[in-house]
């Protein structure tokens, strides 16, 4: 597939050192990788899970180009050592919804420590590497005043070599390409996308709070069962609802729900809602903390009533609603919705 002129133009201006699999020969570069579980295995360190707008400073400069391009960004949690910033965009093209995220870890001095740009789930005729390149270059060039980012060139080279390896055992998604510059170490693969680790910066205790907006899974599972979900917790974190072909999925820190994603629907006939939310959640959104439940539920009901999407902070809670409204017949319409409450911990799956 031909690459856009955007990538070729940037690639011509950038230089790097890189190798396939074995990594860059500059061994002093920090390892660019997903964090181990140990970064979250610590006692609470003044954990705050109230989501806010991205604060002024480095984090806002990093995210400003993304916001200008239609992304939603927020500081989703913080503690004494660092702050977690999470960004997301969603677009619907020819019936295919593409979701893309970006994650940034800032230290207590408002300096970037680590960033992650996962590949979006693109249709087969689109290149996910292009989307990663655009987001990463736009964001990181605000941190490196004279960037020598090789992102465009390296991603191109990664896919070129990956195509050469097609058919080899475990070729797809396993090989990674690493490089570094004076600012950071970088790693790219189709499995993990682009990971950036900044030189000379670290956060030992990554923020993990979620109590402001979410309950525990053990407290929520009974109500999910009452709503028709097939949910065997522990250890199950994806609960299916056969009668509606729906699902409820959580990310956890211990038993604490960190993020929840579920599907629901809306059917408006003669201006009235025919699909009540109590069909799936007979006791309400009890996985959402009591302090914010009413505000979050009201925001969801507004999207169900008018069939519109939403991405924002509601009462200190990240709320994402992707609404794929069907064409209306008069005042009647149906809308399937995918809803996310909260943002996952940085560097964890699913994103």
C-alpha atoms as a PDB file:
ATOM      1  CA  UNK A   1       0.000   0.000   0.000  1.00  0.00           C
ATOM      2  CA  UNK A   2       1.336   3.430  -0.910  1.00  0.00           C
ATOM      3  CA  UNK A   3       2.138   5.666   2.027  1.00  0.00           C
ATOM      4  CA  UNK A   4       0.791   9.213   2.257  1.00  0.00           C
ATOM      5  CA  UNK A   5       3.081  12.050   1.333  1.00  0.00           C
ATOM      6  CA  UNK A   6       2.780  13.162   4.965  1.00  0.00           C
ATOM      7  CA  UNK A   7       4.831  10.240   6.190  1.00  0.00           C
ATOM      8  CA  UNK A   8       7.354  10.359   3.389  1.00  0.00           C
ATOM      9  CA  UNK A   9       7.926  14.056   3.952  1.00  0.00           C
ATOM     10  CA  UNK A  10       8.574  13.666   7.638  1.00  0.00           C
ATOM     11  CA  UNK A  11      10.671  10.579   7.115  1.00  0.00           C
ATOM     12  CA  UNK A  12      13.010  12.450   4.785  1.00  0.00           C
ATOM     13  CA  UNK A  13      13.762  14.940   7.515  1.00  0.00           C
ATOM     14  CA  UNK A  14      14.381  12.486  10.333  1.00  0.00           C
ATOM     15  CA  UNK A  15      17.259  10.201  11.216  1.00  0.00           C
ATOM     16  CA  UNK A  16      17.602   7.427  13.758  1.00  0.00           C
ATOM     17  CA  UNK A  17      19.470   4.298  14.640  1.00  0.00           C
ATOM     18  CA  UNK A  18      17.318   1.177  14.450  1.00  0.00           C
ATOM     19  CA  UNK A  19      17.429  -2.560  14.033  1.00  0.00           C
ATOM     20  CA  UNK A  20      14.852  -5.280  13.682  1.00  0.00           C
ATOM     21  CA  UNK A  21      14.390  -7.396  16.824  1.00  0.00           C
ATOM     22  CA  UNK A  22      17.830  -6.767  18.306  1.00  0.00           C
ATOM     23  CA  UNK A  23      17.275  -3.093  19.103  1.00  0.00           C
ATOM     24  CA  UNK A  24      19.318   0.044  18.832  1.00  0.00           C
ATOM     25  CA  UNK A  25      23.033  -0.080  19.451  1.00  0.00           C
ATOM     26  CA  UNK A  26      22.741   2.842  21.880  1.00  0.00           C
ATOM     27  CA  UNK A  27      22.413   0.681  24.986  1.00  0.00           C
ATOM     28  CA  UNK A  28      22.008   3.710  27.267  1.00  0.00           C
ATOM     29  CA  UNK A  29      18.550   4.387  25.861  1.00  0.00           C
ATOM     30  CA  UNK A  30      15.705   3.524  28.250  1.00  0.00           C
ATOM     31  CA  UNK A  31      13.685   0.451  27.359  1.00  0.00           C
ATOM     32  CA  UNK A  32      10.506   1.423  25.540  1.00  0.00           C
ATOM     33  CA  UNK A  33       8.025  -1.221  26.650  1.00  0.00           C
ATOM     34  CA  UNK A  34       4.737  -1.747  28.402  1.00  0.00           C
ATOM     35  CA  UNK A  35       5.067  -1.537  32.175  1.00  0.00           C
ATOM     36  CA  UNK A  36       5.256  -4.606  34.360  1.00  0.00           C
ATOM     37  CA  UNK A  37       2.546  -5.219  36.942  1.00  0.00           C
ATOM     38  CA  UNK A  38       4.953  -4.096  39.661  1.00  0.00           C
ATOM     39  CA  UNK A  39       4.394  -0.406  38.876  1.00  0.00           C
ATOM     40  CA  UNK A  40       0.892  -0.812  40.335  1.00  0.00           C
ATOM     41  CA  UNK A  41       1.893  -3.064  43.240  1.00  0.00           C
ATOM     42  CA  UNK A  42       2.340  -0.333  45.812  1.00  0.00           C
ATOM     43  CA  UNK A  43       0.522   1.084  48.795  1.00  0.00           C
ATOM     44  CA  UNK A  44      -1.792   4.004  48.024  1.00  0.00           C
ATOM     45  CA  UNK A  45       0.243   7.152  47.508  1.00  0.00           C
ATOM     46  CA  UNK A  46      -2.358   9.904  47.854  1.00  0.00           C
ATOM     47  CA  UNK A  47      -4.318   8.360  44.984  1.00  0.00           C
ATOM     48  CA  UNK A  48      -6.860  10.708  43.387  1.00  0.00           C
ATOM     49  CA  UNK A  49      -9.293   9.308  40.811  1.00  0.00           C
ATOM     50  CA  UNK A  50     -11.296  12.459  40.070  1.00  0.00           C
ATOM     51  CA  UNK A  51     -10.850  13.091  36.343  1.00  0.00           C
ATOM     52  CA  UNK A  52     -10.178  16.670  35.274  1.00  0.00           C
ATOM     53  CA  UNK A  53      -9.293  18.666  32.218  1.00  0.00           C
ATOM     54  CA  UNK A  54      -5.632  18.313  31.287  1.00  0.00           C
ATOM     55  CA  UNK A  55      -3.742  20.826  33.476  1.00  0.00           C
ATOM     56  CA  UNK A  56      -1.767  23.663  31.964  1.00  0.00           C
ATOM     57  CA  UNK A  57       1.875  22.879  31.318  1.00  0.00           C
ATOM     58  CA  UNK A  58       3.656  20.046  29.548  1.00  0.00           C
ATOM     59  CA  UNK A  59       0.670  17.708  29.537  1.00  0.00           C
ATOM     60  CA  UNK A  60      -1.568  20.274  27.909  1.00  0.00           C
ATOM     61  CA  UNK A  61       1.048  21.067  25.283  1.00  0.00           C
ATOM     62  CA  UNK A  62       1.365  17.357  24.491  1.00  0.00           C
ATOM     63  CA  UNK A  63      -2.354  16.891  24.090  1.00  0.00           C
ATOM     64  CA  UNK A  64      -3.257  20.211  22.443  1.00  0.00           C
ATOM     65  CA  UNK A  65      -2.606  18.974  18.873  1.00  0.00           C
ATOM     66  CA  UNK A  66      -4.783  15.935  19.522  1.00  0.00           C
ATOM     67  CA  UNK A  67      -7.606  18.018  20.993  1.00  0.00           C
ATOM     68  CA  UNK A  68      -7.385  20.352  17.998  1.00  0.00           C
ATOM     69  CA  UNK A  69      -7.884  17.291  15.796  1.00  0.00           C
ATOM     70  CA  UNK A  70     -11.045  16.291  17.650  1.00  0.00           C
ATOM     71  CA  UNK A  71      -9.652  14.010  20.362  1.00  0.00           C
ATOM     72  CA  UNK A  72     -10.941  13.940  23.933  1.00  0.00           C
ATOM     73  CA  UNK A  73      -8.190  14.174  26.565  1.00  0.00           C
ATOM     74  CA  UNK A  74      -8.317  14.238  30.360  1.00  0.00           C
ATOM     75  CA  UNK A  75      -6.126  13.761  33.386  1.00  0.00           C
ATOM     76  CA  UNK A  76      -7.769  10.583  34.627  1.00  0.00           C
ATOM     77  CA  UNK A  77      -5.899   9.942  37.892  1.00  0.00           C
ATOM     78  CA  UNK A  78      -2.895  11.094  39.886  1.00  0.00           C
ATOM     79  CA  UNK A  79      -0.889  10.366  43.009  1.00  0.00           C
ATOM     80  CA  UNK A  80       2.140  11.743  44.856  1.00  0.00           C
ATOM     81  CA  UNK A  81       4.528  10.469  42.182  1.00  0.00           C
ATOM     82  CA  UNK A  82       2.795  11.044  38.883  1.00  0.00           C
ATOM     83  CA  UNK A  83      -0.235  11.822  36.740  1.00  0.00           C
ATOM     84  CA  UNK A  84      -2.027   9.753  34.110  1.00  0.00           C
ATOM     85  CA  UNK A  85      -3.362  11.480  30.994  1.00  0.00           C
ATOM     86  CA  UNK A  86      -5.618   9.567  28.603  1.00  0.00           C
ATOM     87  CA  UNK A  87      -6.797  10.608  25.149  1.00  0.00           C
ATOM     88  CA  UNK A  88      -9.281   9.017  22.768  1.00  0.00           C
ATOM     89  CA  UNK A  89     -10.855   9.644  19.399  1.00  0.00           C
ATOM     90  CA  UNK A  90     -13.541   7.750  17.552  1.00  0.00           C
ATOM     91  CA  UNK A  91     -14.729   8.001  13.978  1.00  0.00           C
ATOM     92  CA  UNK A  92     -17.395   6.162  11.994  1.00  0.00           C
ATOM     93  CA  UNK A  93     -16.622   5.616   8.306  1.00  0.00           C
ATOM     94  CA  UNK A  94     -18.781   3.462   6.031  1.00  0.00           C
ATOM     95  CA  UNK A  95     -20.195   1.607   9.010  1.00  0.00           C
ATOM     96  CA  UNK A  96     -16.792   0.914  10.594  1.00  0.00           C
ATOM     97  CA  UNK A  97     -16.027   2.581  13.929  1.00  0.00           C
ATOM     98  CA  UNK A  98     -12.337   3.198  14.516  1.00  0.00           C
ATOM     99  CA  UNK A  99     -11.216   3.964  18.064  1.00  0.00           C
ATOM    100  CA  UNK A 100      -7.734   5.282  18.797  1.00  0.00           C
ATOM    101  CA  UNK A 101      -6.170   6.167  22.141  1.00  0.00           C
ATOM    102  CA  UNK A 102      -2.995   7.783  23.434  1.00  0.00           C
ATOM    103  CA  UNK A 103      -1.616   7.584  26.963  1.00  0.00           C
ATOM    104  CA  UNK A 104       0.876   9.796  28.795  1.00  0.00           C
ATOM    105  CA  UNK A 105       2.552   9.375  32.182  1.00  0.00           C
ATOM    106  CA  UNK A 106       3.794  12.599  33.740  1.00  0.00           C
ATOM    107  CA  UNK A 107       6.023  12.825  36.812  1.00  0.00           C
ATOM    108  CA  UNK A 108       5.521  15.113  39.799  1.00  0.00           C
ATOM    109  CA  UNK A 109       7.559  17.799  38.019  1.00  0.00           C
ATOM    110  CA  UNK A 110       5.114  17.898  35.073  1.00  0.00           C
ATOM    111  CA  UNK A 111       7.610  16.164  32.781  1.00  0.00           C
ATOM    112  CA  UNK A 112       6.744  13.407  30.329  1.00  0.00           C
ATOM    113  CA  UNK A 113       8.025  10.002  31.451  1.00  0.00           C
ATOM    114  CA  UNK A 114       6.295   7.503  29.180  1.00  0.00           C
ATOM    115  CA  UNK A 115       3.804   7.515  26.320  1.00  0.00           C
ATOM    116  CA  UNK A 116       1.869   4.887  24.413  1.00  0.00           C
ATOM    117  CA  UNK A 117       0.189   5.156  21.026  1.00  0.00           C
ATOM    118  CA  UNK A 118      -1.536   1.799  20.351  1.00  0.00           C
ATOM    119  CA  UNK A 119      -2.602   0.921  16.834  1.00  0.00           C
ATOM    120  CA  UNK A 120      -6.291   1.546  16.101  1.00  0.00           C
ATOM    121  CA  UNK A 121      -8.421  -1.279  14.758  1.00  0.00           C
ATOM    122  CA  UNK A 122      -8.587  -0.122  11.153  1.00  0.00           C
ATOM    123  CA  UNK A 123     -10.363  -1.772   8.193  1.00  0.00           C
ATOM    124  CA  UNK A 124      -8.181  -3.984   6.028  1.00  0.00           C
ATOM    125  CA  UNK A 125      -7.772  -1.283   3.366  1.00  0.00           C
ATOM    126  CA  UNK A 126      -6.313   1.234   5.822  1.00  0.00           C
ATOM    127  CA  UNK A 127      -2.915   1.379   7.455  1.00  0.00           C
ATOM    128  CA  UNK A 128      -3.011   1.648  11.267  1.00  0.00           C
ATOM    129  CA  UNK A 129       0.602   2.784  11.259  1.00  0.00           C
ATOM    130  CA  UNK A 130      -0.400   6.018   9.562  1.00  0.00           C
ATOM    131  CA  UNK A 131      -2.788   6.914  12.375  1.00  0.00           C
ATOM    132  CA  UNK A 132      -0.133   6.180  15.003  1.00  0.00           C
ATOM    133  CA  UNK A 133       2.443   8.265  13.154  1.00  0.00           C
ATOM    134  CA  UNK A 134       0.162  11.267  12.851  1.00  0.00           C
ATOM    135  CA  UNK A 135      -0.824  11.245  16.518  1.00  0.00           C
ATOM    136  CA  UNK A 136       2.676  10.611  17.855  1.00  0.00           C
ATOM    137  CA  UNK A 137       4.482  13.171  15.710  1.00  0.00           C
ATOM    138  CA  UNK A 138       1.861  15.848  16.382  1.00  0.00           C
ATOM    139  CA  UNK A 139       2.079  15.285  20.131  1.00  0.00           C
ATOM    140  CA  UNK A 140       5.757  14.598  20.742  1.00  0.00           C
ATOM    141  CA  UNK A 141       7.034  17.458  18.627  1.00  0.00           C
ATOM    142  CA  UNK A 142       5.572  19.782  21.284  1.00  0.00           C
ATOM    143  CA  UNK A 143       7.859  18.221  23.907  1.00  0.00           C
ATOM    144  CA  UNK A 144      11.036  18.004  21.829  1.00  0.00           C
ATOM    145  CA  UNK A 145      11.679  21.572  20.731  1.00  0.00           C
ATOM    146  CA  UNK A 146      13.863  20.381  17.844  1.00  0.00           C
ATOM    147  CA  UNK A 147      12.496  16.875  17.327  1.00  0.00           C
ATOM    148  CA  UNK A 148      14.501  14.294  15.455  1.00  0.00           C
ATOM    149  CA  UNK A 149      11.663  11.821  15.585  1.00  0.00           C
ATOM    150  CA  UNK A 150      12.116   8.905  13.252  1.00  0.00           C
ATOM    151  CA  UNK A 151       8.577   7.656  13.800  1.00  0.00           C
ATOM    152  CA  UNK A 152       7.484   7.927  10.176  1.00  0.00           C
ATOM    153  CA  UNK A 153      10.604   6.303   8.763  1.00  0.00           C
ATOM    154  CA  UNK A 154      10.760   3.559  11.371  1.00  0.00           C
ATOM    155  CA  UNK A 155       7.101   2.578  11.085  1.00  0.00           C
ATOM    156  CA  UNK A 156       7.480   2.376   7.312  1.00  0.00           C
ATOM    157  CA  UNK A 157      10.555   0.192   7.699  1.00  0.00           C
ATOM    158  CA  UNK A 158       8.828  -1.984  10.282  1.00  0.00           C
ATOM    159  CA  UNK A 159       5.965  -2.792   7.935  1.00  0.00           C
ATOM    160  CA  UNK A 160       8.303  -3.280   5.005  1.00  0.00           C
ATOM    161  CA  UNK A 161      10.262  -5.911   6.920  1.00  0.00           C
ATOM    162  CA  UNK A 162       7.129  -7.447   8.377  1.00  0.00           C
ATOM    163  CA  UNK A 163       5.748  -7.999   4.885  1.00  0.00           C
ATOM    164  CA  UNK A 164       8.970  -9.775   3.974  1.00  0.00           C
ATOM    165  CA  UNK A 165       8.455 -12.101   6.935  1.00  0.00           C
ATOM    166  CA  UNK A 166       4.850 -12.991   6.134  1.00  0.00           C
ATOM    167  CA  UNK A 167       4.337 -16.704   6.386  1.00  0.00           C
ATOM    168  CA  UNK A 168       7.130 -17.251   8.872  1.00  0.00           C
ATOM    169  CA  UNK A 169       6.060 -18.751  12.218  1.00  0.00           C
ATOM    170  CA  UNK A 170       4.938 -16.073  14.695  1.00  0.00           C
ATOM    171  CA  UNK A 171       6.066 -13.264  12.412  1.00  0.00           C
ATOM    172  CA  UNK A 172       2.980 -11.074  12.643  1.00  0.00           C
ATOM    173  CA  UNK A 173       2.968  -8.830  15.699  1.00  0.00           C
ATOM    174  CA  UNK A 174       5.991 -10.387  17.396  1.00  0.00           C
ATOM    175  CA  UNK A 175       8.879  -8.555  15.777  1.00  0.00           C
ATOM    176  CA  UNK A 176       9.455  -5.047  17.092  1.00  0.00           C
ATOM    177  CA  UNK A 177      11.580  -2.194  15.879  1.00  0.00           C
ATOM    178  CA  UNK A 178      13.509  -0.119  18.388  1.00  0.00           C
ATOM    179  CA  UNK A 179      15.459   3.097  18.089  1.00  0.00           C
ATOM    180  CA  UNK A 180      16.457   6.078  20.185  1.00  0.00           C
ATOM    181  CA  UNK A 181      17.407   9.712  20.055  1.00  0.00           C
ATOM    182  CA  UNK A 182      18.720  12.131  22.651  1.00  0.00           C
ATOM    183  CA  UNK A 183      15.234  12.488  24.133  1.00  0.00           C
ATOM    184  CA  UNK A 184      13.884   8.954  24.456  1.00  0.00           C
ATOM    185  CA  UNK A 185      13.871   5.311  23.502  1.00  0.00           C
ATOM    186  CA  UNK A 186      11.169   4.063  21.143  1.00  0.00           C
ATOM    187  CA  UNK A 187       9.640   0.734  20.224  1.00  0.00           C
ATOM    188  CA  UNK A 188       7.116  -0.106  17.515  1.00  0.00           C
ATOM    189  CA  UNK A 189       5.202  -3.272  16.688  1.00  0.00           C
ATOM    190  CA  UNK A 190       1.823  -4.133  15.244  1.00  0.00           C
ATOM    191  CA  UNK A 191       1.062  -5.822  18.559  1.00  0.00           C
ATOM    192  CA  UNK A 192       1.751  -2.844  20.846  1.00  0.00           C
ATOM    193  CA  UNK A 193       1.973   0.165  18.556  1.00  0.00           C
ATOM    194  CA  UNK A 194       4.443   2.903  19.526  1.00  0.00           C
ATOM    195  CA  UNK A 195       5.878   3.059  23.048  1.00  0.00           C
ATOM    196  CA  UNK A 196       8.066   5.957  24.171  1.00  0.00           C
ATOM    197  CA  UNK A 197      10.281   6.026  27.280  1.00  0.00           C
ATOM    198  CA  UNK A 198      11.916   9.353  28.083  1.00  0.00           C
ATOM    199  CA  UNK A 199      15.566   9.538  29.125  1.00  0.00           C
ATOM    200  CA  UNK A 200      16.329  10.414  32.726  1.00  0.00           C
ATOM    201  CA  UNK A 201      12.700  10.301  33.910  1.00  0.00           C
ATOM    202  CA  UNK A 202      10.865   7.683  35.939  1.00  0.00           C
ATOM    203  CA  UNK A 203       7.822   7.164  38.139  1.00  0.00           C
ATOM    204  CA  UNK A 204       8.086   4.228  40.517  1.00  0.00           C
ATOM    205  CA  UNK A 205       4.471   4.199  41.733  1.00  0.00           C
ATOM    206  CA  UNK A 206       2.022   4.644  38.866  1.00  0.00           C
ATOM    207  CA  UNK A 207      -1.424   6.051  39.780  1.00  0.00           C
ATOM    208  CA  UNK A 208      -4.165   3.426  40.168  1.00  0.00           C
ATOM    209  CA  UNK A 209      -7.121   5.132  41.878  1.00  0.00           C
ATOM    210  CA  UNK A 210     -10.715   4.548  40.747  1.00  0.00           C
ATOM    211  CA  UNK A 211     -12.790   4.759  43.928  1.00  0.00           C
ATOM    212  CA  UNK A 212     -14.300   8.139  43.055  1.00  0.00           C
ATOM    213  CA  UNK A 213     -16.408   6.741  40.237  1.00  0.00           C
ATOM    214  CA  UNK A 214     -16.515   2.935  40.499  1.00  0.00           C
ATOM    215  CA  UNK A 215     -17.382   0.188  42.976  1.00  0.00           C
ATOM    216  CA  UNK A 216     -15.813  -3.248  43.277  1.00  0.00           C
ATOM    217  CA  UNK A 217     -16.587  -6.091  40.920  1.00  0.00           C
ATOM    218  CA  UNK A 218     -17.621  -8.374  43.770  1.00  0.00           C
ATOM    219  CA  UNK A 219     -20.237  -5.795  44.792  1.00  0.00           C
ATOM    220  CA  UNK A 220     -21.514  -5.379  41.228  1.00  0.00           C
ATOM    221  CA  UNK A 221     -21.671  -8.966  39.997  1.00  0.00           C
ATOM    222  CA  UNK A 222     -24.970  -9.838  41.695  1.00  0.00           C
ATOM    223  CA  UNK A 223     -26.803  -7.021  39.935  1.00  0.00           C
ATOM    224  CA  UNK A 224     -25.228  -8.029  36.629  1.00  0.00           C
ATOM    225  CA  UNK A 225     -26.578 -11.546  37.086  1.00  0.00           C
ATOM    226  CA  UNK A 226     -30.021 -10.082  37.826  1.00  0.00           C
ATOM    227  CA  UNK A 227     -29.796  -8.206  34.528  1.00  0.00           C
ATOM    228  CA  UNK A 228     -29.263 -11.392  32.555  1.00  0.00           C
ATOM    229  CA  UNK A 229     -25.491 -11.291  32.248  1.00  0.00           C
ATOM    230  CA  UNK A 230     -23.620 -14.587  32.278  1.00  0.00           C
ATOM    231  CA  UNK A 231     -20.996 -13.490  34.760  1.00  0.00           C
ATOM    232  CA  UNK A 232     -18.791 -15.887  36.721  1.00  0.00           C
ATOM    233  CA  UNK A 233     -16.599 -13.644  38.835  1.00  0.00           C
ATOM    234  CA  UNK A 234     -13.924 -14.249  39.868  1.00  0.00           C
ATOM    235  CA  UNK A 235     -12.089 -14.500  37.536  1.00  0.00           C
ATOM    236  CA  UNK A 236     -14.349 -13.590  34.606  1.00  0.00           C
ATOM    237  CA  UNK A 237     -14.014  -9.954  33.507  1.00  0.00           C
ATOM    238  CA  UNK A 238     -16.137 -10.169  30.348  1.00  0.00           C
ATOM    239  CA  UNK A 239     -19.795 -10.946  31.012  1.00  0.00           C
ATOM    240  CA  UNK A 240     -22.096 -11.748  28.086  1.00  0.00           C
ATOM    241  CA  UNK A 241     -25.838 -11.160  27.904  1.00  0.00           C
ATOM    242  CA  UNK A 242     -27.216 -13.759  25.461  1.00  0.00           C
ATOM    243  CA  UNK A 243     -30.737 -12.334  25.130  1.00  0.00           C
ATOM    244  CA  UNK A 244     -29.458  -9.031  23.754  1.00  0.00           C
ATOM    245  CA  UNK A 245     -26.132 -10.187  22.319  1.00  0.00           C
ATOM    246  CA  UNK A 246     -24.579  -7.639  24.667  1.00  0.00           C
ATOM    247  CA  UNK A 247     -21.525  -7.666  26.896  1.00  0.00           C
ATOM    248  CA  UNK A 248     -20.107  -6.018  30.006  1.00  0.00           C
ATOM    249  CA  UNK A 249     -16.330  -5.830  30.360  1.00  0.00           C
ATOM    250  CA  UNK A 250     -14.200  -4.415  33.148  1.00  0.00           C
ATOM    251  CA  UNK A 251     -10.568  -3.710  33.863  1.00  0.00           C
ATOM    252  CA  UNK A 252      -9.599  -4.175  37.489  1.00  0.00           C
ATOM    253  CA  UNK A 253      -7.007  -3.298  40.089  1.00  0.00           C
ATOM    254  CA  UNK A 254      -7.514  -6.111  42.525  1.00  0.00           C
ATOM    255  CA  UNK A 255     -11.282  -6.177  43.019  1.00  0.00           C
ATOM    256  CA  UNK A 256     -11.664  -2.465  42.284  1.00  0.00           C
ATOM    257  CA  UNK A 257     -13.295  -1.668  38.944  1.00  0.00           C
ATOM    258  CA  UNK A 258     -11.070   0.742  37.017  1.00  0.00           C
ATOM    259  CA  UNK A 259     -13.054   0.932  33.779  1.00  0.00           C
ATOM    260  CA  UNK A 260     -16.265  -0.635  32.539  1.00  0.00           C
ATOM    261  CA  UNK A 261     -17.449  -1.006  28.967  1.00  0.00           C
ATOM    262  CA  UNK A 262     -20.853  -2.278  27.947  1.00  0.00           C
ATOM    263  CA  UNK A 263     -23.289  -2.284  25.067  1.00  0.00           C
ATOM    264  CA  UNK A 264     -26.886  -1.182  25.269  1.00  0.00           C
ATOM    265  CA  UNK A 265     -29.541   0.164  22.960  1.00  0.00           C
ATOM    266  CA  UNK A 266     -32.181   2.801  22.482  1.00  0.00           C
ATOM    267  CA  UNK A 267     -35.467   2.574  20.605  1.00  0.00           C
ATOM    268  CA  UNK A 268     -37.526   5.736  20.310  1.00  0.00           C
ATOM    269  CA  UNK A 269     -41.106   5.370  19.084  1.00  0.00           C
ATOM    270  CA  UNK A 270     -43.490   8.327  18.967  1.00  0.00           C
ATOM    271  CA  UNK A 271     -40.952  10.291  20.973  1.00  0.00           C
ATOM    272  CA  UNK A 272     -40.819   7.818  23.851  1.00  0.00           C
ATOM    273  CA  UNK A 273     -38.076   5.449  24.972  1.00  0.00           C
ATOM    274  CA  UNK A 274     -39.107   1.822  24.461  1.00  0.00           C
ATOM    275  CA  UNK A 275     -35.833   0.208  25.565  1.00  0.00           C
ATOM    276  CA  UNK A 276     -35.459   0.927  29.250  1.00  0.00           C
ATOM    277  CA  UNK A 277     -31.991   0.843  30.757  1.00  0.00           C
ATOM    278  CA  UNK A 278     -33.394  -1.349  33.527  1.00  0.00           C
ATOM    279  CA  UNK A 279     -33.614  -4.219  31.036  1.00  0.00           C
ATOM    280  CA  UNK A 280     -29.847  -4.666  31.382  1.00  0.00           C
ATOM    281  CA  UNK A 281     -29.421  -2.992  34.763  1.00  0.00           C
ATOM    282  CA  UNK A 282     -32.562  -3.591  36.852  1.00  0.00           C
ATOM    283  CA  UNK A 283     -30.994  -1.937  39.909  1.00  0.00           C
ATOM    284  CA  UNK A 284     -29.342   0.888  37.984  1.00  0.00           C
ATOM    285  CA  UNK A 285     -25.651   1.373  37.222  1.00  0.00           C
ATOM    286  CA  UNK A 286     -24.555  -0.068  40.548  1.00  0.00           C
ATOM    287  CA  UNK A 287     -20.992  -0.611  39.328  1.00  0.00           C
ATOM    288  CA  UNK A 288     -20.727   3.194  39.315  1.00  0.00           C
ATOM    289  CA  UNK A 289     -20.130   4.754  42.723  1.00  0.00           C
ATOM    290  CA  UNK A 290     -23.161   6.244  44.442  1.00  0.00           C
ATOM    291  CA  UNK A 291     -21.518   9.681  44.479  1.00  0.00           C
ATOM    292  CA  UNK A 292     -21.585  10.048  40.688  1.00  0.00           C
ATOM    293  CA  UNK A 293     -24.217   7.491  39.626  1.00  0.00           C
ATOM    294  CA  UNK A 294     -27.045   9.955  39.034  1.00  0.00           C
ATOM    295  CA  UNK A 295     -24.951  12.332  36.929  1.00  0.00           C
ATOM    296  CA  UNK A 296     -23.489   9.486  34.850  1.00  0.00           C
ATOM    297  CA  UNK A 297     -26.907   7.881  34.340  1.00  0.00           C
ATOM    298  CA  UNK A 298     -28.449  11.195  33.287  1.00  0.00           C
ATOM    299  CA  UNK A 299     -25.695  11.725  30.720  1.00  0.00           C
ATOM    300  CA  UNK A 300     -26.260   8.232  29.315  1.00  0.00           C
ATOM    301  CA  UNK A 301     -30.022   8.738  29.130  1.00  0.00           C
ATOM    302  CA  UNK A 302     -29.543  11.965  27.159  1.00  0.00           C
ATOM    303  CA  UNK A 303     -27.519  10.103  24.542  1.00  0.00           C
ATOM    304  CA  UNK A 304     -30.084   7.320  24.469  1.00  0.00           C
ATOM    305  CA  UNK A 305     -32.860   9.858  23.975  1.00  0.00           C
ATOM    306  CA  UNK A 306     -31.298  11.725  21.061  1.00  0.00           C
ATOM    307  CA  UNK A 307     -28.976   9.065  19.617  1.00  0.00           C
ATOM    308  CA  UNK A 308     -25.812  11.148  19.944  1.00  0.00           C
ATOM    309  CA  UNK A 309     -22.281  10.252  20.990  1.00  0.00           C
ATOM    310  CA  UNK A 310     -20.438  11.851  23.901  1.00  0.00           C
ATOM    311  CA  UNK A 311     -16.905  11.994  25.258  1.00  0.00           C
ATOM    312  CA  UNK A 312     -16.174  14.028  28.350  1.00  0.00           C
ATOM    313  CA  UNK A 313     -15.835  14.292  32.104  1.00  0.00           C
ATOM    314  CA  UNK A 314     -19.069  14.043  34.097  1.00  0.00           C
ATOM    315  CA  UNK A 315     -18.794  14.796  37.811  1.00  0.00           C
ATOM    316  CA  UNK A 316     -15.112  13.824  37.799  1.00  0.00           C
ATOM    317  CA  UNK A 317     -15.797  10.666  35.780  1.00  0.00           C
ATOM    318  CA  UNK A 318     -14.673   9.808  32.243  1.00  0.00           C
ATOM    319  CA  UNK A 319     -17.776   8.945  30.203  1.00  0.00           C
ATOM    320  CA  UNK A 320     -17.527   7.738  26.604  1.00  0.00           C
ATOM    321  CA  UNK A 321     -20.642   6.979  24.543  1.00  0.00           C
ATOM    322  CA  UNK A 322     -20.405   5.820  20.930  1.00  0.00           C
ATOM    323  CA  UNK A 323     -23.888   6.003  19.407  1.00  0.00           C
ATOM    324  CA  UNK A 324     -24.470   4.523  15.956  1.00  0.00           C
ATOM    325  CA  UNK A 325     -27.910   5.946  15.271  1.00  0.00           C
ATOM    326  CA  UNK A 326     -29.907   4.355  12.479  1.00  0.00           C
ATOM    327  CA  UNK A 327     -31.798   6.547   9.981  1.00  0.00           C
ATOM    328  CA  UNK A 328     -34.946   7.981  11.539  1.00  0.00           C
ATOM    329  CA  UNK A 329     -38.492   7.418  10.345  1.00  0.00           C
ATOM    330  CA  UNK A 330     -40.284  10.509  11.508  1.00  0.00           C
ATOM    331  CA  UNK A 331     -39.622  10.713  15.233  1.00  0.00           C
ATOM    332  CA  UNK A 332     -38.778   7.020  15.469  1.00  0.00           C
ATOM    333  CA  UNK A 333     -35.212   5.719  15.497  1.00  0.00           C
ATOM    334  CA  UNK A 334     -33.046   3.016  17.006  1.00  0.00           C
ATOM    335  CA  UNK A 335     -29.513   3.434  18.308  1.00  0.00           C
ATOM    336  CA  UNK A 336     -27.012   0.826  19.482  1.00  0.00           C
ATOM    337  CA  UNK A 337     -24.598   2.361  21.981  1.00  0.00           C
ATOM    338  CA  UNK A 338     -21.226   1.351  23.362  1.00  0.00           C
ATOM    339  CA  UNK A 339     -20.519   2.967  26.722  1.00  0.00           C
ATOM    340  CA  UNK A 340     -17.284   3.275  28.690  1.00  0.00           C
ATOM    341  CA  UNK A 341     -17.073   4.529  32.261  1.00  0.00           C
ATOM    342  CA  UNK A 342     -13.595   5.396  33.525  1.00  0.00           C
ATOM    343  CA  UNK A 343     -10.224   4.984  31.822  1.00  0.00           C
ATOM    344  CA  UNK A 344      -8.006   1.889  32.203  1.00  0.00           C
ATOM    345  CA  UNK A 345      -4.689   2.035  34.015  1.00  0.00           C
ATOM    346  CA  UNK A 346      -1.896   3.262  31.763  1.00  0.00           C
ATOM    347  CA  UNK A 347      -0.102   0.522  29.884  1.00  0.00           C
ATOM    348  CA  UNK A 348      -2.729  -2.152  30.523  1.00  0.00           C
ATOM    349  CA  UNK A 349      -5.088  -4.022  28.222  1.00  0.00           C
ATOM    350  CA  UNK A 350      -7.713  -3.613  26.953  1.00  0.00           C
ATOM    351  CA  UNK A 351      -7.017   0.014  26.139  1.00  0.00           C
END
